Amino acid sequence: MKLENKRIGLAITGSFCNFSETKGVIEKLQEENVEKIIPIISNSAKNFDTRFYKAKEFVKMLEDTTKNKVIDSIVKAEVVGPKDLVDIIVICPCTGNTLAKLANGITDTPVLMAVKSHIRNNKPVVIGVSTNDGLGKSLKNIAELIDTKNMYFIPFRQDDCVAKPKSLVLDYTYITETVELAFDGIQTQPVLARYDIKNK
């Protein structure tokens, strides 16, 4: 298994409607015999109760499933690089807000600090985009990051081209493949996943 003994930082930002997928993402990566998964959460994921999840319940699920404490502050995230805590960071889901800040070098959340600290070691970052304006204002940030060294995108698609024509979401079936190829410096192709209108 290509991911055997790898240490993965799973960074989660506030695309709350996708939080129900997180436990499955962790379990799928664990099936690859990774050494550990360290959850890293944004301020929104840590603090906001929503109709999808209560914040404390979500944090408990992350810690119970990964068997690791969450990194939930900038101070805790700063050591990710210096202490070489992970081999790769997977931002899943990654909001348009986080995309914009990544593309413009802004570091004001634990996730962004973890990425900044991590890439100093010339290691890969995988991005699972989830934003309602992916084909709007966020598109330029996707373009910027997809052309940036060590940044790799999980294939994404429109999630509802009728009701939300600018919305993009990662295709969760490609997570393992994308992470494996990122270690080899390869972007999974095609980046644009097929939109299955039959299921809408």
Protein backbone atom coordinates (compact mmCIF):
# COMPACT_ATOMS: atom_id res chain seq x y z
CA MET A 1 0.00 0.00 0.00
CA LYS A 2 1.42 3.36 -1.05
CA LEU A 3 0.14 5.16 2.05
CA GLU A 4 1.40 2.61 4.53
CA ASN A 5 3.12 4.30 7.49
CA LYS A 6 2.37 7.77 6.15
CA ARG A 7 1.39 10.53 8.56
CA ILE A 8 -1.55 12.56 7.29
CA GLY A 9 -2.76 15.91 8.51
CA LEU A 10 -6.50 16.08 7.79
CA ALA A 11 -7.44 19.76 7.73
CA ILE A 12 -11.13 20.63 7.92
CA THR A 13 -12.63 24.03 7.16
CA GLY A 14 -16.18 25.29 7.48
CA SER A 15 -18.04 23.67 4.62
CA PHE A 16 -20.44 22.30 7.20
CA CYS A 17 -22.71 20.45 4.78
CA ASN A 18 -19.76 18.16 3.98
CA PHE A 19 -18.92 17.26 7.58
CA SER A 20 -20.99 14.09 7.32
CA GLU A 21 -18.35 12.78 4.89
CA THR A 22 -15.42 13.29 7.27
CA LYS A 23 -15.62 10.06 9.26
CA GLY A 24 -15.73 8.09 6.00
CA VAL A 25 -12.66 9.95 4.72
CA ILE A 26 -10.74 9.06 7.88
CA GLU A 27 -11.77 5.41 7.74
CA LYS A 28 -10.89 5.14 4.05
CA LEU A 29 -7.40 6.48 4.69
CA GLN A 30 -7.00 4.22 7.71
CA GLU A 31 -7.71 1.23 5.46
CA GLU A 32 -4.46 2.12 3.68
CA ASN A 33 -2.50 1.37 6.88
CA VAL A 34 -1.40 4.96 7.42
CA GLU A 35 0.64 5.51 10.56
CA LYS A 36 -1.59 8.26 11.87
CA ILE A 37 -4.13 10.90 10.95
CA ILE A 38 -3.91 14.20 12.81
CA PRO A 39 -7.05 16.34 12.56
CA ILE A 40 -6.56 20.09 12.07
CA ILE A 41 -9.63 22.30 12.28
CA SER A 42 -10.41 25.88 11.36
CA ASN A 43 -11.88 28.34 13.82
CA SER A 44 -15.31 27.90 12.23
CA ALA A 45 -15.21 24.13 12.53
CA LYS A 46 -14.15 24.44 16.17
CA ASN A 47 -16.66 27.06 17.30
CA PHE A 48 -19.85 27.00 15.21
CA ASP A 49 -22.87 24.85 15.97
CA THR A 50 -24.87 24.36 12.77
CA ARG A 51 -27.85 22.37 11.52
CA PHE A 52 -25.35 19.78 10.28
CA TYR A 53 -23.23 19.26 13.39
CA LYS A 54 -22.61 20.54 16.91
CA ALA A 55 -19.01 21.70 17.17
CA LYS A 56 -18.13 19.71 20.30
CA GLU A 57 -19.68 16.54 18.87
CA PHE A 58 -17.70 16.98 15.68
CA VAL A 59 -14.42 17.43 17.54
CA LYS A 60 -15.16 14.36 19.67
CA MET A 61 -15.85 12.31 16.53
CA LEU A 62 -12.54 13.43 15.02
CA GLU A 63 -10.56 12.54 18.11
CA ASP A 64 -12.35 9.23 18.67
CA THR A 65 -11.93 8.14 15.05
CA THR A 66 -8.31 9.25 14.55
CA LYS A 67 -7.17 8.53 18.13
CA ASN A 68 -5.38 11.88 18.04
CA LYS A 69 -6.13 15.27 19.55
CA VAL A 70 -7.20 18.00 17.16
CA ILE A 71 -4.90 20.87 16.30
CA ASP A 72 -7.27 23.76 16.90
CA SER A 73 -5.12 26.86 17.36
CA ILE A 74 -2.49 28.78 15.43
CA VAL A 75 0.02 28.12 18.22
CA LYS A 76 -0.50 24.35 17.99
CA ALA A 77 -0.38 24.46 14.18
CA GLU A 78 2.88 26.43 14.01
CA VAL A 79 4.95 23.40 15.03
CA VAL A 80 3.65 21.17 12.22
CA GLY A 81 6.62 22.02 10.02
CA PRO A 82 9.42 22.47 12.56
CA LYS A 83 8.52 19.20 14.30
CA ASP A 84 7.84 17.45 10.97
CA LEU A 85 4.53 16.11 12.27
CA VAL A 86 3.01 14.97 8.95
CA ASP A 87 4.04 13.83 5.49
CA ILE A 88 1.08 15.43 3.73
CA ILE A 89 -1.83 17.73 4.54
CA VAL A 90 -5.26 17.05 3.04
CA ILE A 91 -7.67 20.00 3.28
CA CYS A 92 -11.05 18.33 3.00
CA PRO A 93 -13.34 20.15 2.71
CA CYS A 94 -11.64 23.39 1.67
CA THR A 95 -13.90 26.45 1.55
CA GLY A 96 -13.68 29.35 -0.85
CA ASN A 97 -12.51 31.50 2.06
CA THR A 98 -9.58 29.18 2.74
CA LEU A 99 -8.78 28.95 -0.99
CA ALA A 100 -8.59 32.74 -1.17
CA LYS A 101 -6.31 33.00 1.83
CA LEU A 102 -4.05 30.19 0.63
CA ALA A 103 -3.71 31.85 -2.76
CA ASN A 104 -2.82 35.18 -1.16
CA GLY A 105 -0.52 34.05 1.64
CA ILE A 106 -2.85 34.88 4.53
CA THR A 107 -2.31 32.88 7.72
CA ASP A 108 -5.06 33.54 10.27
CA THR A 109 -6.50 30.12 11.12
CA PRO A 110 -5.03 26.85 12.43
CA VAL A 111 -5.47 25.21 9.00
CA LEU A 112 -3.67 28.00 7.16
CA MET A 113 -0.85 28.07 9.70
CA ALA A 114 -0.47 24.28 9.48
CA VAL A 115 -0.19 24.48 5.69
CA LYS A 116 2.29 27.37 5.83
CA SER A 117 4.38 25.51 8.40
CA HIS A 118 4.17 22.24 6.45
CA ILE A 119 5.17 23.53 3.02
CA ARG A 120 8.43 24.94 4.39
CA ASN A 121 9.52 21.29 4.30
CA ASN A 122 8.69 21.05 0.57
CA LYS A 123 5.92 18.53 1.20
CA PRO A 124 2.58 18.11 -0.62
CA VAL A 125 -0.81 19.61 0.16
CA VAL A 126 -4.02 18.09 -1.25
CA ILE A 127 -7.08 20.33 -1.62
CA GLY A 128 -10.67 19.09 -1.66
CA VAL A 129 -12.57 22.14 -2.82
CA SER A 130 -16.12 22.81 -1.63
CA THR A 131 -17.51 26.25 -2.35
CA ASN A 132 -20.67 27.80 -3.72
CA ASP A 133 -18.65 30.28 -5.80
CA GLY A 134 -16.13 27.89 -7.33
CA LEU A 135 -17.07 29.06 -10.82
CA GLY A 136 -17.32 32.64 -9.60
CA LYS A 137 -14.86 34.65 -7.50
CA SER A 138 -13.09 31.52 -6.21
CA LEU A 139 -12.17 30.32 -9.68
CA LYS A 140 -9.13 32.59 -9.90
CA ASN A 141 -7.88 31.19 -6.59
CA ILE A 142 -8.30 27.62 -7.80
CA ALA A 143 -6.30 28.55 -10.90
CA GLU A 144 -3.59 30.15 -8.77
CA LEU A 145 -3.26 27.14 -6.48
CA ILE A 146 -3.50 24.48 -9.17
CA ASP A 147 -0.44 26.13 -10.74
CA THR A 148 1.47 26.27 -7.43
CA LYS A 149 4.21 23.81 -6.51
CA ASN A 150 3.20 21.08 -4.04
CA MET A 151 -0.53 21.86 -4.33
CA TYR A 152 -2.78 19.09 -5.69
CA PHE A 153 -6.54 19.04 -6.15
CA ILE A 154 -8.92 16.18 -5.53
CA PRO A 155 -11.02 16.08 -8.74
CA PHE A 156 -14.09 18.28 -8.41
CA ARG A 157 -17.36 18.91 -10.19
CA GLN A 158 -20.48 21.03 -10.10
CA ASP A 159 -22.73 19.59 -7.41
CA ASP A 160 -25.99 21.12 -8.66
CA CYS A 161 -25.64 22.88 -12.00
CA VAL A 162 -29.29 23.98 -12.03
CA ALA A 163 -29.90 25.35 -8.53
CA LYS A 164 -26.27 26.32 -7.81
CA PRO A 165 -24.54 26.79 -11.18
CA LYS A 166 -21.33 28.24 -9.68
CA SER A 167 -20.95 25.67 -6.91
CA LEU A 168 -18.10 23.13 -6.92
CA VAL A 169 -17.46 20.13 -4.69
CA LEU A 170 -14.74 17.52 -4.55
CA ASP A 171 -15.46 13.97 -5.67
CA TYR A 172 -14.80 11.90 -2.55
CA THR A 173 -14.12 8.73 -4.53
CA TYR A 174 -10.76 10.18 -5.66
CA ILE A 175 -9.27 11.01 -2.26
CA THR A 176 -6.97 8.01 -1.85
CA GLU A 177 -5.75 8.15 -5.45
CA THR A 178 -5.05 11.88 -5.24
CA VAL A 179 -3.08 11.53 -2.01
CA GLU A 180 -1.04 8.62 -3.38
CA LEU A 181 -0.13 10.48 -6.58
CA ALA A 182 0.67 13.70 -4.71
CA PHE A 183 3.52 11.87 -2.99
CA ASP A 184 4.93 11.25 -6.47
CA GLY A 185 4.43 14.87 -7.51
CA ILE A 186 1.57 13.99 -9.87
CA GLN A 187 -1.83 15.67 -10.15
CA THR A 188 -4.72 13.21 -10.51
CA GLN A 189 -6.36 13.51 -13.90
CA PRO A 190 -8.87 14.48 -15.04
CA VAL A 191 -9.21 17.26 -12.47
CA LEU A 192 -12.76 17.93 -13.60
CA ALA A 193 -14.91 15.01 -12.47
CA ARG A 194 -17.97 14.03 -14.45
CA TYR A 195 -21.28 15.58 -13.41
CA ASP A 196 -23.91 12.86 -13.14
CA ILE A 197 -27.16 14.70 -13.86
CA LYS A 198 -29.12 11.41 -13.68
CA ASN A 199 -28.73 11.42 -9.90
CA LYS A 200 -30.06 14.94 -9.49
